[in-house]
Protein backbone atom coordinates (compact mmCIF):
# COMPACT_ATOMS: atom_id res chain seq x y z
CA UNK A 1 197.61 101.24 18.99
CA UNK A 2 194.23 101.35 17.12
CA UNK A 3 192.27 97.89 16.63
CA UNK A 4 188.70 98.00 14.81
CA UNK A 5 186.26 95.31 13.93
CA UNK A 6 184.67 95.04 10.49
CA UNK A 7 182.17 93.13 8.67
CA UNK A 8 178.48 93.32 7.50
CA UNK A 9 175.51 93.44 9.74
CA UNK A 10 174.96 90.59 12.12
CA UNK A 11 178.33 89.07 11.89
CA UNK A 12 178.93 89.07 15.67
CA UNK A 13 181.28 92.19 15.90
CA UNK A 14 179.25 93.43 18.91
CA UNK A 15 179.21 90.21 20.80
CA UNK A 16 183.48 90.11 20.76
CA UNK A 17 183.49 93.45 21.94
CA UNK A 18 181.47 92.69 25.00
CA UNK A 19 183.32 89.79 25.75
CA UNK A 20 186.62 91.85 25.61
CA UNK A 21 184.90 94.32 27.85
CA UNK A 22 184.33 91.79 30.29
CA UNK A 23 187.93 90.19 30.35
CA UNK A 24 191.30 91.29 31.96
CA UNK A 25 193.06 92.86 29.19
CA UNK A 26 196.45 92.59 31.27
CA UNK A 27 198.47 95.65 31.76
CA UNK A 28 197.05 97.71 28.55
CA UNK A 29 194.65 100.57 28.57
CA UNK A 30 191.64 100.09 26.28
CA UNK A 31 189.09 102.59 24.92
CA UNK A 32 186.23 101.00 23.44
CA UNK A 33 184.48 102.89 20.78
CA UNK A 34 180.92 102.21 20.12
CA UNK A 35 179.53 101.77 16.44
CA UNK A 36 178.95 104.91 14.89
CA UNK A 37 175.97 104.80 12.67
CA UNK A 38 173.43 103.96 15.40
CA UNK A 39 175.02 107.32 17.21
CA UNK A 40 174.54 109.16 14.00
CA UNK A 41 170.95 107.84 13.78
CA UNK A 42 170.31 108.79 17.28
CA UNK A 43 172.03 112.51 17.19
CA UNK A 44 170.68 113.54 13.76
CA UNK A 45 167.64 111.55 13.06
CA UNK A 46 168.80 110.69 9.65
CA UNK A 47 168.06 107.45 7.88
CA UNK A 48 170.93 104.14 8.24
CA UNK A 49 171.08 101.00 6.30
CA UNK A 50 169.37 100.95 2.79
CA UNK A 51 167.90 104.13 3.31
CA UNK A 52 170.91 105.94 3.92
CA UNK A 53 171.68 109.38 2.11
CA UNK A 54 174.55 111.99 1.50
CA UNK A 55 174.34 113.38 4.75
CA UNK A 56 174.06 109.83 6.55
CA UNK A 57 177.39 109.07 5.01
CA UNK A 58 179.15 112.31 5.45
CA UNK A 59 178.36 112.15 9.23
CA UNK A 60 179.31 108.83 9.42
CA UNK A 61 182.60 109.63 7.82
CA UNK A 62 183.20 112.28 10.15
CA UNK A 63 182.62 110.24 13.16
CA UNK A 64 185.38 107.74 11.84
CA UNK A 65 187.44 110.95 11.66
CA UNK A 66 186.89 111.83 14.98
CA UNK A 67 187.47 108.00 16.18
CA UNK A 68 191.17 108.29 15.24
CA UNK A 69 191.85 111.79 15.90
CA UNK A 70 190.48 112.21 19.00
CA UNK A 71 192.47 112.92 21.81
CA UNK A 72 195.80 112.96 19.78
CA UNK A 73 197.42 116.22 21.56
CA UNK A 74 196.72 114.69 25.04
CA UNK A 75 199.85 111.93 25.78
CA UNK A 76 197.93 110.19 28.51
CA UNK A 77 195.02 109.67 25.53
CA UNK A 78 197.50 108.69 23.42
CA UNK A 79 198.89 105.89 25.37
CA UNK A 80 195.61 104.28 25.40
CA UNK A 81 195.00 101.29 23.16
CA UNK A 82 191.57 101.89 21.18
CA UNK A 83 189.13 99.14 19.91
CA UNK A 84 186.42 100.34 17.57
CA UNK A 85 183.18 98.59 16.63
CA UNK A 86 183.33 99.64 12.99
CA UNK A 87 185.73 101.77 11.17
CA UNK A 88 186.19 103.81 7.73
CA UNK A 89 185.98 100.41 5.59
CA UNK A 90 182.78 99.84 6.76
CA UNK A 91 181.52 103.64 5.76
CA UNK A 92 182.93 103.25 2.40
CA UNK A 93 181.53 99.77 1.97
CA UNK A 94 178.17 101.08 2.88
CA UNK A 95 178.67 104.34 0.89
CA UNK A 96 179.54 102.18 -2.18
CA UNK A 97 176.32 100.06 -2.03
CA UNK A 98 174.03 103.52 -1.66
CA UNK A 99 175.83 105.17 -4.64
CA UNK A 100 175.15 101.75 -6.59
CA UNK A 101 171.32 101.97 -5.86
CA UNK A 102 171.40 105.65 -6.70
CA UNK A 103 170.81 106.65 -2.58
CA UNK A 104 173.81 108.99 -2.82
CA UNK A 105 175.72 111.27 -5.51
CA UNK A 106 179.04 110.58 -6.80
CA UNK A 107 180.14 113.63 -5.07
CA UNK A 108 179.39 112.36 -1.56
CA UNK A 109 181.23 109.01 -2.76
CA UNK A 110 184.22 110.62 -3.53
CA UNK A 111 184.49 112.53 -0.59
CA UNK A 112 184.00 109.48 1.65
CA UNK A 113 186.61 107.36 -0.53
CA UNK A 114 188.93 110.15 0.29
CA UNK A 115 188.42 110.16 3.83
CA UNK A 116 188.61 106.22 3.89
CA UNK A 117 191.96 106.46 1.97
CA UNK A 118 193.53 108.94 4.61
CA UNK A 119 192.43 106.72 7.55
CA UNK A 120 192.94 103.15 6.45
CA UNK A 121 196.73 103.04 7.38
CA UNK A 122 195.76 104.18 11.04
CA UNK A 123 194.52 101.38 12.00
CA UNK A 124 197.14 99.02 13.36
CA UNK A 125 194.80 95.64 12.71
CA UNK A 126 191.21 95.45 11.47
CA UNK A 127 189.45 92.29 12.35
CA UNK A 128 186.83 91.08 9.82
CA UNK A 129 183.90 89.13 11.21
CA UNK A 130 182.72 86.19 9.01
CA UNK A 131 179.17 85.91 7.88
CA UNK A 132 179.66 82.32 7.48
CA UNK A 133 179.09 81.21 11.43
CA UNK A 134 176.53 83.83 12.20
CA UNK A 135 172.51 84.23 11.54
CA UNK A 136 171.00 87.42 10.76
CA UNK A 137 169.02 88.58 13.79
CA UNK A 138 166.66 91.43 14.06
CA UNK A 139 167.84 93.48 16.94
CA UNK A 140 165.49 96.24 16.28
CA UNK A 141 167.69 98.85 14.39
CA UNK A 142 169.94 96.88 12.04
CA UNK A 143 168.48 95.80 8.62
CA UNK A 144 167.43 92.02 8.11
CA UNK A 145 167.09 92.27 4.24
CA UNK A 146 169.01 89.33 3.50
CA UNK A 147 169.58 90.35 -0.08
CA UNK A 148 171.03 93.48 1.38
CA UNK A 149 173.13 91.83 3.57
CA UNK A 150 174.79 89.74 0.73
CA UNK A 151 175.56 92.87 -1.16
CA UNK A 152 177.29 94.33 1.46
CA UNK A 153 179.42 91.04 2.19
CA UNK A 154 180.21 91.07 -1.54
CA UNK A 155 181.04 94.93 -1.52
CA UNK A 156 183.47 94.14 1.87
CA UNK A 157 185.17 91.44 -0.30
CA UNK A 158 185.84 93.57 -3.16
CA UNK A 159 187.50 96.42 -0.68
CA UNK A 160 189.13 93.78 1.63
CA UNK A 161 190.99 92.36 -1.34
CA UNK A 162 192.18 95.85 -2.00
CA UNK A 163 192.76 96.82 1.36
CA UNK A 164 195.32 93.71 1.92
CA UNK A 165 196.82 94.74 -1.52
CA UNK A 166 197.76 97.96 -0.03
CA UNK A 167 199.61 96.24 2.82
CA UNK A 168 197.24 96.69 5.80
CA UNK A 169 196.70 94.12 8.24
CA UNK A 170 193.05 92.48 8.20
CA UNK A 171 192.97 89.37 10.27
CA UNK A 172 189.66 87.04 9.26
CA UNK A 173 187.63 85.98 12.47
CA UNK A 174 185.62 82.47 12.23
CA UNK A 175 184.15 79.84 14.01
CA UNK A 176 182.61 80.11 17.41
CA UNK A 177 183.12 82.86 19.59
CA UNK A 178 185.61 81.32 21.70
CA UNK A 179 187.44 80.62 18.56
CA UNK A 180 187.34 84.24 17.55
CA UNK A 181 188.63 85.65 20.66
CA UNK A 182 191.60 82.99 20.40
CA UNK A 183 192.40 84.44 16.95
CA UNK A 184 191.97 87.90 18.46
CA UNK A 185 194.35 87.13 21.46
CA UNK A 186 197.27 85.39 19.08
CA UNK A 187 196.94 88.73 16.73
CA UNK A 188 197.64 91.05 19.45
CA UNK A 189 200.27 88.82 21.35
CA UNK A 190 202.33 89.16 17.97
CA UNK A 191 201.96 92.77 18.73
CA UNK A 192 203.03 92.56 22.25
CA UNK A 193 199.41 93.32 23.76
CA UNK A 194 198.77 90.72 25.88
CA UNK A 195 195.21 90.11 26.71
CA UNK A 196 193.46 87.33 28.91
CA UNK A 197 190.29 85.47 27.26
């Protein structure tokens, strides 16, 4: 199964992933997939966040494809559950922002939208981290522009509404870290994926 976290910058995704990595995840094998935007920045030295461009977004969406399809022909790899730090939903939200700002072409947006539409049914559950309970913190890489963050949150709300209408599963995570972890556990319990929190 494939689970992913999604949401605006500085909403607690990495914190939750780090907690899950440290916990006993029962009898299930999990592969933790790191966030792709920083990987793309490091590997290809392209601008990210508000400075992203056509190449940035195409590289990011390519990494989302790789995260879904990597190892599909290997039966041992297929039996491992994947937990992703961000998914194609994040990719299309940030791509939409850059289109609105005139930073990328309509052609790039349409290509990224096609990838997003092809991948969205591949995620068994997407956990959306609410921005309400988490402060914007500078980690040296993420944008700390509050207006940028608010625009991204608005776009997430737009896409999440559409995502839910398509019948895909998005679970809202809010409250403290412990409350969010309990929501994750109860969601996975319903899918017979037992984890210890």
